[in-house]
Protein backbone atom coordinates (compact mmCIF):
# COMPACT_ATOMS: atom_id res chain seq x y z
CA UNK A 1 -20.16 -55.18 -24.57
CA UNK A 2 -22.31 -52.24 -25.60
CA UNK A 3 -20.71 -48.88 -26.32
CA UNK A 4 -21.90 -45.87 -24.39
CA UNK A 5 -24.42 -43.80 -26.27
CA UNK A 6 -23.06 -40.45 -27.39
CA UNK A 7 -24.53 -37.48 -25.62
CA UNK A 8 -25.36 -34.12 -27.14
CA UNK A 9 -25.71 -32.58 -23.69
CA UNK A 10 -23.08 -29.90 -23.14
CA UNK A 11 -21.41 -30.23 -19.74
CA UNK A 12 -20.16 -27.12 -18.01
CA UNK A 13 -16.85 -27.24 -16.17
CA UNK A 14 -16.95 -25.12 -13.03
CA UNK A 15 -13.65 -24.38 -11.27
CA UNK A 16 -14.34 -21.57 -8.81
CA UNK A 17 -11.14 -20.17 -7.25
CA UNK A 18 -10.64 -21.06 -3.59
CA UNK A 19 -10.41 -17.85 -1.52
CA UNK A 20 -9.83 -19.31 1.97
CA UNK A 21 -7.68 -20.85 3.25
CA UNK A 22 -4.84 -18.99 1.59
CA UNK A 23 -1.10 -18.52 2.01
CA UNK A 24 -0.35 -17.37 5.56
CA UNK A 25 -3.41 -19.10 7.05
CA UNK A 26 -2.80 -21.22 10.16
CA UNK A 27 -5.40 -23.74 11.31
CA UNK A 28 -5.28 -25.81 14.51
CA UNK A 29 -6.65 -29.35 14.79
CA UNK A 30 -10.17 -29.37 16.19
CA UNK A 31 -11.06 -25.83 15.07
CA UNK A 32 -13.93 -25.08 12.71
CA UNK A 33 -13.39 -22.90 9.63
CA UNK A 34 -15.34 -21.89 6.56
CA UNK A 35 -13.66 -22.93 3.32
CA UNK A 36 -14.72 -20.25 0.82
CA UNK A 37 -14.60 -19.95 -2.95
CA UNK A 38 -15.71 -17.44 -5.58
CA UNK A 39 -19.22 -18.45 -6.59
CA UNK A 40 -19.95 -15.41 -8.74
CA UNK A 41 -20.18 -17.24 -12.09
CA UNK A 42 -21.74 -20.70 -11.66
CA UNK A 43 -22.98 -22.47 -14.79
CA UNK A 44 -26.69 -23.25 -15.23
CA UNK A 45 -26.04 -26.90 -14.50
CA UNK A 46 -23.52 -28.37 -12.05
CA UNK A 47 -23.41 -32.09 -12.74
CA UNK A 48 -21.40 -33.54 -9.86
CA UNK A 49 -21.76 -33.57 -6.09
CA UNK A 50 -19.32 -31.34 -4.25
CA UNK A 51 -16.67 -32.44 -1.77
CA UNK A 52 -13.42 -31.18 -0.24
CA UNK A 53 -10.28 -33.22 0.36
CA UNK A 54 -7.13 -32.35 2.26
CA UNK A 55 -4.01 -32.22 0.08
CA UNK A 56 -0.40 -32.68 1.21
CA UNK A 57 2.25 -31.65 -1.30
CA UNK A 58 1.15 -33.00 -4.67
CA UNK A 59 -1.09 -35.74 -3.23
CA UNK A 60 -4.74 -35.71 -2.27
CA UNK A 61 -5.05 -37.45 1.09
CA UNK A 62 -8.04 -39.70 1.87
CA UNK A 63 -9.22 -37.09 4.40
CA UNK A 64 -12.64 -35.80 3.35
CA UNK A 65 -13.33 -32.46 5.04
CA UNK A 66 -16.83 -31.96 3.58
CA UNK A 67 -19.19 -33.65 1.12
CA UNK A 68 -22.69 -33.35 -0.31
CA UNK A 69 -22.88 -29.57 -0.02
CA UNK A 70 -24.17 -26.98 -2.50
CA UNK A 71 -21.28 -25.77 -4.67
CA UNK A 72 -23.26 -22.59 -5.40
CA UNK A 73 -23.15 -21.54 -1.72
CA UNK A 74 -19.57 -20.24 -1.85
CA UNK A 75 -18.63 -21.72 1.52
CA UNK A 76 -18.84 -24.77 3.73
CA UNK A 77 -17.80 -25.26 7.35
CA UNK A 78 -15.15 -27.90 8.04
CA UNK A 79 -13.53 -29.25 11.19
CA UNK A 80 -9.74 -29.31 11.06
CA UNK A 81 -8.61 -32.92 11.41
CA UNK A 82 -5.88 -34.29 13.66
CA UNK A 83 -2.83 -34.34 11.40
CA UNK A 84 0.92 -34.05 11.83
CA UNK A 85 1.83 -30.35 11.79
CA UNK A 86 2.67 -29.36 8.26
CA UNK A 87 1.80 -27.60 5.02
CA UNK A 88 -1.45 -28.49 3.29
CA UNK A 89 -3.97 -27.24 0.77
CA UNK A 90 -7.60 -28.14 0.22
CA UNK A 91 -9.04 -29.53 -3.00
CA UNK A 92 -12.51 -28.38 -4.00
CA UNK A 93 -14.29 -30.86 -6.26
CA UNK A 94 -17.42 -30.13 -8.20
CA UNK A 95 -17.16 -30.59 -11.94
CA UNK A 96 -13.40 -30.17 -11.68
CA UNK A 97 -10.79 -30.25 -8.94
CA UNK A 98 -8.98 -27.10 -7.98
CA UNK A 99 -7.02 -26.37 -4.85
CA UNK A 100 -6.19 -23.59 -2.46
CA UNK A 101 -2.84 -21.99 -1.82
CA UNK A 102 -0.64 -23.83 0.68
CA UNK A 103 -1.36 -23.09 4.33
CA UNK A 104 -0.33 -24.52 7.73
CA UNK A 105 -2.18 -26.91 10.00
CA UNK A 106 -0.85 -27.19 13.55
CA UNK A 107 -1.69 -30.69 14.64
CA UNK A 108 -1.30 -32.54 17.93
CA UNK A 109 1.99 -34.04 16.69
CA UNK A 110 5.01 -32.01 15.60
CA UNK A 111 8.21 -33.40 14.17
């Protein structure tokens, strides 16, 4: 098995803070919202494709809210999925994963 060739290319890690949703935000299943993040200091090169997952507690769910968008844009529109009413956060992936503050989604099912 061949070893991977070392690379001299410096990779930037870009973890823009998520601005919305934030604590106190309430979304309802079926609505559309813009997830926003601070895009004021992007590196010259962003090496990975961007996507957003829904997070519940300390676990990323398999629910992909958005993918293949430009991380430099600072926002992307998502449709709130049908979930059980609860507390969630979103995870913004580019070169690194960072997540929003906890917020509420009111789904079609409430326990």
